[in-house]
Amino acid sequence: MMKFIPLDKSWIIRMGVLDIIHNHNDIVLFLNTQTTLSDDLLALKRACNVWNTDNLIEVGESGTLYRFLQFASWKLNLNKRFVTEGTLRERKIGQDSLLVSLTQRELLELAGEPTSQWASATVLLGDEERLVDAPYKLRVTYEAVDHWRSRRSEGNTWEPREDPTILIQAETFVRLLRGERPDFVAIQAEDYCFARAFGYVSREEGARKWPTLSGHESNRLEEMEKVLAEARAGQEIISKDHRVIHAIVMWGLVNKIAIKVRYPDVIRKSWPEFWRFIDTTKSS
């Protein structure tokens, strides 16, 4: 199974941004050795190659990469220009350079932007504050900075890792296919689509735990209800949200319901080997 599990793009993007702002080339060397990269990591690779030039920086659909690099550009008094694609063009992204003067708490409470990415950006740019009640992704940023600094202090480069969220979902899915009902705990917003599809959380619980669900490639609270209804009715799934597609395709296999997806390539944003993984589970 592990050969189908992608790199943890959240972790790699954080390592990459730290390398970029500290003028290390390890992220480029690492990405150049990878034969299968998610779309977000391909965007990181492009950004690394042009960061020290005046060229436009293409961030694809990665809100994480966009916010991190935009924040770095403001903080370091650079004049970087960015190009976004797909659903990212439709999402509300702050364009005020005064964001660099806000605390992590203030960044977490920005009106209209339910995301921890700005708070993570200020940590990557040197903010030493550590909130005891930080949301999941901000805690990942704390861990990433500590790891990067520790490895650098020893004269070593950082270590990559596979995506733990996708791995646990994949393992749970395989057991569901076997007719089991394994325990599954949704610990962060990226677990919601899978957990909602298989009845581990309700829509109401998701809305209460993760307000950020409204600000991804889709409003995932609404999108999951929509695609579940479409799937039960035998309709084509037209969502362009990669995590929604992961969840509904796996749900269809477990429930022996044929799922037709109009935009199968959107899964490359986070899980490029998803369809190979699905084919393998079908034949096993």
Protein backbone atom coordinates (compact mmCIF):
# COMPACT_ATOMS: atom_id res chain seq x y z
CA MET A 1 0.00 0.00 0.00
CA MET A 2 2.77 2.43 0.87
CA LYS A 3 3.87 2.74 -2.76
CA PHE A 4 0.58 4.48 -3.50
CA ILE A 5 0.71 6.91 -0.56
CA PRO A 6 1.87 10.39 -1.59
CA LEU A 7 4.36 12.64 0.08
CA ASP A 8 2.90 14.80 2.83
CA LYS A 9 2.46 17.97 0.81
CA SER A 10 1.77 20.09 3.89
CA TRP A 11 5.10 19.03 5.37
CA ILE A 12 7.09 19.32 2.13
CA ILE A 13 5.69 22.79 1.34
CA ARG A 14 6.75 23.97 4.80
CA MET A 15 10.22 22.52 4.31
CA GLY A 16 10.36 24.13 0.88
CA VAL A 17 9.36 27.59 2.09
CA LEU A 18 11.92 27.43 4.89
CA ASP A 19 14.58 26.46 2.35
CA ILE A 20 13.54 29.24 -0.03
CA ILE A 21 13.66 32.05 2.53
CA HIS A 22 16.97 30.81 3.96
CA ASN A 23 18.58 30.27 0.55
CA HIS A 24 18.97 26.50 0.73
CA ASN A 25 18.72 24.41 -2.42
CA ASP A 26 17.81 21.09 -0.80
CA ILE A 27 14.13 21.37 -1.70
CA VAL A 28 14.99 21.65 -5.40
CA LEU A 29 17.36 18.70 -5.22
CA PHE A 30 14.73 16.63 -3.44
CA LEU A 31 11.86 17.45 -5.77
CA ASN A 32 14.03 16.73 -8.80
CA THR A 33 14.48 13.13 -7.57
CA GLN A 34 10.72 12.48 -7.35
CA THR A 35 8.96 10.76 -10.23
CA THR A 36 5.42 11.25 -8.90
CA LEU A 37 4.49 14.60 -7.41
CA SER A 38 1.09 15.99 -6.52
CA ASP A 39 0.03 19.14 -8.35
CA ASP A 40 0.69 21.24 -5.25
CA LEU A 41 4.26 19.96 -5.03
CA LEU A 42 4.76 20.56 -8.74
CA ALA A 43 3.71 24.15 -8.02
CA LEU A 44 6.27 24.28 -5.21
CA LYS A 45 8.92 23.03 -7.62
CA ARG A 46 8.07 25.77 -10.12
CA ALA A 47 8.13 28.40 -7.37
CA CYS A 48 11.55 27.26 -6.15
CA ASN A 49 12.99 27.57 -9.64
CA VAL A 50 11.92 31.19 -10.10
CA TRP A 51 11.91 32.64 -6.56
CA ASN A 52 15.23 34.41 -7.05
CA THR A 53 14.20 35.87 -10.40
CA ASP A 54 11.68 38.50 -11.48
CA ASN A 55 9.49 35.89 -13.17
CA LEU A 56 5.86 35.31 -12.25
CA ILE A 57 5.43 32.62 -9.62
CA GLU A 58 2.82 30.03 -10.62
CA VAL A 59 1.27 28.57 -7.45
CA GLY A 60 -1.40 26.50 -9.18
CA GLU A 61 -4.37 25.80 -6.92
CA SER A 62 -2.35 25.69 -3.71
CA GLY A 63 -3.76 28.18 -1.23
CA THR A 64 -1.11 27.06 1.23
CA LEU A 65 1.79 27.80 -1.09
CA TYR A 66 0.24 31.08 -2.23
CA ARG A 67 -0.33 32.43 1.27
CA PHE A 68 3.10 31.32 2.52
CA LEU A 69 5.00 32.89 -0.38
CA GLN A 70 2.85 36.02 -0.50
CA PHE A 71 3.46 36.53 3.21
CA ALA A 72 7.20 35.99 2.69
CA SER A 73 7.21 38.52 -0.15
CA TRP A 74 5.57 41.14 2.08
CA LYS A 75 7.67 40.35 5.14
CA LEU A 76 10.96 40.42 3.24
CA ASN A 77 10.01 43.56 1.26
CA LEU A 78 10.07 41.76 -2.05
CA ASN A 79 7.81 42.45 -4.98
CA LYS A 80 6.83 38.97 -6.06
CA ARG A 81 3.97 38.47 -8.49
CA PHE A 82 1.84 35.35 -8.39
CA VAL A 83 -0.35 33.45 -10.82
CA THR A 84 -3.16 31.26 -9.50
CA GLU A 85 -5.20 28.58 -11.25
CA GLY A 86 -8.54 26.80 -11.05
CA THR A 87 -10.58 27.03 -7.88
CA LEU A 88 -7.94 29.16 -6.14
CA ARG A 89 -8.94 32.08 -8.35
CA GLU A 90 -12.42 31.93 -6.84
CA ARG A 91 -11.35 31.74 -3.21
CA LYS A 92 -11.08 34.72 -0.89
CA ILE A 93 -7.40 35.44 -0.30
CA GLY A 94 -6.30 38.48 1.71
CA GLN A 95 -4.28 41.02 -0.24
CA ASP A 96 -3.26 43.36 2.58
CA SER A 97 0.45 43.51 3.35
CA LEU A 98 -0.44 44.73 6.86
CA LEU A 99 -1.17 41.07 7.67
CA VAL A 100 2.54 40.72 8.48
CA SER A 101 2.05 42.93 11.55
CA LEU A 102 -0.67 40.77 13.11
CA THR A 103 -0.22 38.16 15.82
CA GLN A 104 -0.97 34.50 15.21
CA ARG A 105 -4.19 34.86 17.20
CA GLU A 106 -5.28 37.81 15.09
CA LEU A 107 -4.43 35.96 11.89
CA LEU A 108 -6.49 32.97 13.02
CA GLU A 109 -9.48 35.23 13.56
CA LEU A 110 -9.44 37.09 10.25
CA ALA A 111 -12.97 37.73 9.04
CA GLY A 112 -13.79 35.94 5.81
CA GLU A 113 -10.71 33.70 5.85
CA PRO A 114 -11.26 30.65 8.06
CA THR A 115 -7.74 29.28 7.69
CA SER A 116 -4.62 28.85 9.80
CA GLN A 117 -2.34 29.39 6.80
CA TRP A 118 -1.55 33.05 7.52
CA ALA A 119 -0.65 32.15 11.11
CA SER A 120 1.58 29.36 9.80
CA ALA A 121 3.19 31.82 7.41
CA THR A 122 4.25 34.15 10.20
CA VAL A 123 5.76 31.20 12.09
CA LEU A 124 7.74 30.16 9.00
CA LEU A 125 9.01 33.74 8.79
CA GLY A 126 10.35 33.65 12.33
CA ASP A 127 7.49 34.28 14.80
CA GLU A 128 8.45 32.42 17.99
CA GLU A 129 5.01 32.44 19.63
CA ARG A 130 3.54 28.99 20.27
CA LEU A 131 -0.19 28.87 20.99
CA VAL A 132 -1.17 26.08 23.36
CA ASP A 133 -4.54 25.72 21.62
CA ALA A 134 -3.23 25.98 18.05
CA PRO A 135 -5.30 24.25 15.34
CA TYR A 136 -3.91 21.09 13.76
CA LYS A 137 -2.14 22.64 10.76
CA LEU A 138 -0.53 25.34 12.86
CA ARG A 139 0.83 22.63 15.17
CA VAL A 140 2.25 20.94 12.07
CA THR A 141 4.01 24.22 11.28
CA TYR A 142 5.51 24.38 14.78
CA GLU A 143 6.76 20.82 14.34
CA ALA A 144 8.10 21.58 10.87
CA VAL A 145 10.08 24.62 12.03
CA ASP A 146 11.54 22.71 14.98
CA HIS A 147 12.50 19.82 12.71
CA TRP A 148 14.05 22.07 10.06
CA ARG A 149 16.07 24.03 12.61
CA SER A 150 17.23 20.89 14.42
CA ARG A 151 18.43 19.24 11.23
CA ARG A 152 20.16 22.40 10.05
CA SER A 153 21.93 22.84 13.40
CA GLU A 154 23.38 19.35 12.91
CA GLY A 155 24.52 20.16 9.39
CA ASN A 156 21.86 17.95 7.84
CA THR A 157 18.92 18.53 5.55
CA TRP A 158 15.33 17.97 6.59
CA GLU A 159 13.57 14.62 6.23
CA PRO A 160 10.50 14.08 4.03
CA ARG A 161 7.52 12.03 5.08
CA GLU A 162 4.47 10.38 3.57
CA ASP A 163 1.00 11.81 4.06
CA PRO A 164 -0.29 10.39 7.38
CA THR A 165 -3.86 11.56 6.77
CA ILE A 166 -4.16 9.79 3.42
CA LEU A 167 -2.42 6.69 4.78
CA ILE A 168 -4.89 6.25 7.64
CA GLN A 169 -7.85 6.87 5.34
CA ALA A 170 -6.51 4.32 2.84
CA GLU A 171 -6.00 1.72 5.56
CA THR A 172 -9.51 2.33 6.91
CA PHE A 173 -10.99 2.08 3.42
CA VAL A 174 -9.35 -1.31 2.79
CA ARG A 175 -10.80 -2.65 6.02
CA LEU A 176 -14.24 -1.26 5.14
CA LEU A 177 -13.99 -3.07 1.81
CA ARG A 178 -13.47 -6.31 3.74
CA GLY A 179 -16.73 -5.77 5.59
CA GLU A 180 -15.17 -4.54 8.82
CA ARG A 181 -16.13 -1.40 10.71
CA PRO A 182 -12.76 -0.12 11.98
CA ASP A 183 -12.41 2.77 14.38
CA PHE A 184 -11.63 6.00 12.59
CA VAL A 185 -11.10 9.32 14.34
CA ALA A 186 -11.32 12.50 12.29
CA ILE A 187 -8.59 14.61 13.85
CA GLN A 188 -8.47 17.52 11.39
CA ALA A 189 -10.39 19.21 8.59
CA GLU A 190 -8.75 17.08 5.89
CA ASP A 191 -10.39 14.02 7.44
CA TYR A 192 -13.89 15.43 7.07
CA CYS A 193 -14.85 14.29 3.56
CA PHE A 194 -13.82 10.69 4.23
CA ALA A 195 -15.35 10.68 7.71
CA ARG A 196 -18.63 12.20 6.47
CA ALA A 197 -18.90 9.74 3.59
CA PHE A 198 -18.60 6.74 5.91
CA GLY A 199 -20.68 8.11 8.75
CA TYR A 200 -17.91 8.74 11.24
CA VAL A 201 -18.99 12.38 11.64
CA SER A 202 -22.14 14.34 10.87
CA ARG A 203 -22.34 17.55 8.88
CA GLU A 204 -23.17 19.39 12.10
CA GLU A 205 -20.15 17.98 13.91
CA GLY A 206 -17.91 18.94 11.01
CA ALA A 207 -19.22 22.51 11.00
CA ARG A 208 -18.67 22.79 14.73
CA LYS A 209 -15.15 21.35 14.75
CA TRP A 210 -13.73 22.81 11.54
CA PRO A 211 -15.06 26.20 10.39
CA THR A 212 -12.30 26.14 7.74
CA LEU A 213 -14.26 23.55 5.75
CA SER A 214 -16.08 26.34 3.95
CA GLY A 215 -12.87 27.78 2.51
CA HIS A 216 -11.23 25.00 0.52
CA GLU A 217 -11.62 24.04 -3.15
CA SER A 218 -15.31 23.89 -2.29
CA ASN A 219 -17.46 24.45 0.77
CA ARG A 220 -16.91 20.87 1.85
CA LEU A 221 -19.82 20.86 4.26
CA GLU A 222 -22.20 21.53 1.38
CA GLU A 223 -20.23 19.67 -1.28
CA MET A 224 -20.24 16.35 0.57
CA GLU A 225 -24.02 16.45 1.05
CA LYS A 226 -24.41 17.25 -2.63
CA VAL A 227 -22.19 14.45 -3.94
CA LEU A 228 -23.62 11.86 -1.54
CA ALA A 229 -27.09 12.67 -2.87
CA GLU A 230 -25.82 12.55 -6.47
CA ALA A 231 -24.08 9.22 -5.89
CA ARG A 232 -27.16 7.62 -4.31
CA ALA A 233 -29.22 8.82 -7.29
CA GLY A 234 -26.73 7.37 -9.78
CA GLN A 235 -25.79 10.77 -11.12
CA GLU A 236 -22.41 11.89 -12.40
CA ILE A 237 -20.21 13.58 -9.81
CA ILE A 238 -19.17 17.00 -11.07
CA SER A 239 -17.21 18.21 -8.04
CA LYS A 240 -13.72 19.60 -8.65
CA ASP A 241 -12.63 19.12 -5.03
CA HIS A 242 -9.93 16.46 -4.77
CA ARG A 243 -10.79 15.31 -1.23
CA VAL A 244 -14.48 15.08 -2.09
CA ILE A 245 -13.61 12.85 -5.06
CA HIS A 246 -11.33 10.62 -2.96
CA ALA A 247 -14.10 10.13 -0.43
CA ILE A 248 -17.02 9.50 -2.76
CA VAL A 249 -15.12 7.04 -4.98
CA MET A 250 -14.09 4.98 -1.95
CA TRP A 251 -17.61 5.20 -0.58
CA GLY A 252 -18.99 3.89 -3.88
CA LEU A 253 -16.68 0.88 -3.88
CA VAL A 254 -17.54 -0.05 -0.31
CA ASN A 255 -21.26 0.31 -0.99
CA LYS A 256 -21.07 -1.35 -4.44
CA ILE A 257 -22.42 1.76 -6.15
CA ALA A 258 -20.89 2.78 -9.49
CA ILE A 259 -19.45 6.28 -9.31
CA LYS A 260 -18.90 8.30 -12.46
CA VAL A 261 -16.58 11.30 -12.02
CA ARG A 262 -16.47 14.10 -14.56
CA TYR A 263 -13.10 15.50 -13.44
CA PRO A 264 -10.94 12.55 -12.39
CA ASP A 265 -7.67 14.45 -12.74
CA VAL A 266 -8.41 16.81 -9.83
CA ILE A 267 -7.15 14.11 -7.49
CA ARG A 268 -3.60 14.94 -8.58
CA LYS A 269 -3.69 17.93 -6.25
CA SER A 270 -2.90 15.69 -3.28
CA TRP A 271 -2.92 12.01 -4.31
CA PRO A 272 -1.49 11.37 -7.80
CA GLU A 273 -1.50 7.58 -7.36
CA PHE A 274 -5.13 7.45 -6.21
CA TRP A 275 -6.58 5.74 -9.29
CA ARG A 276 -3.81 3.13 -9.29
CA PHE A 277 -4.56 2.52 -5.62
CA ILE A 278 -8.25 2.09 -6.43
CA ASP A 279 -7.50 -0.31 -9.32
CA THR A 280 -5.33 -2.39 -7.02
CA THR A 281 -8.02 -2.66 -4.36
CA LYS A 282 -10.56 -3.69 -7.01
CA SER A 283 -8.40 -6.54 -8.20
CA SER A 284 -7.29 -7.80 -4.78
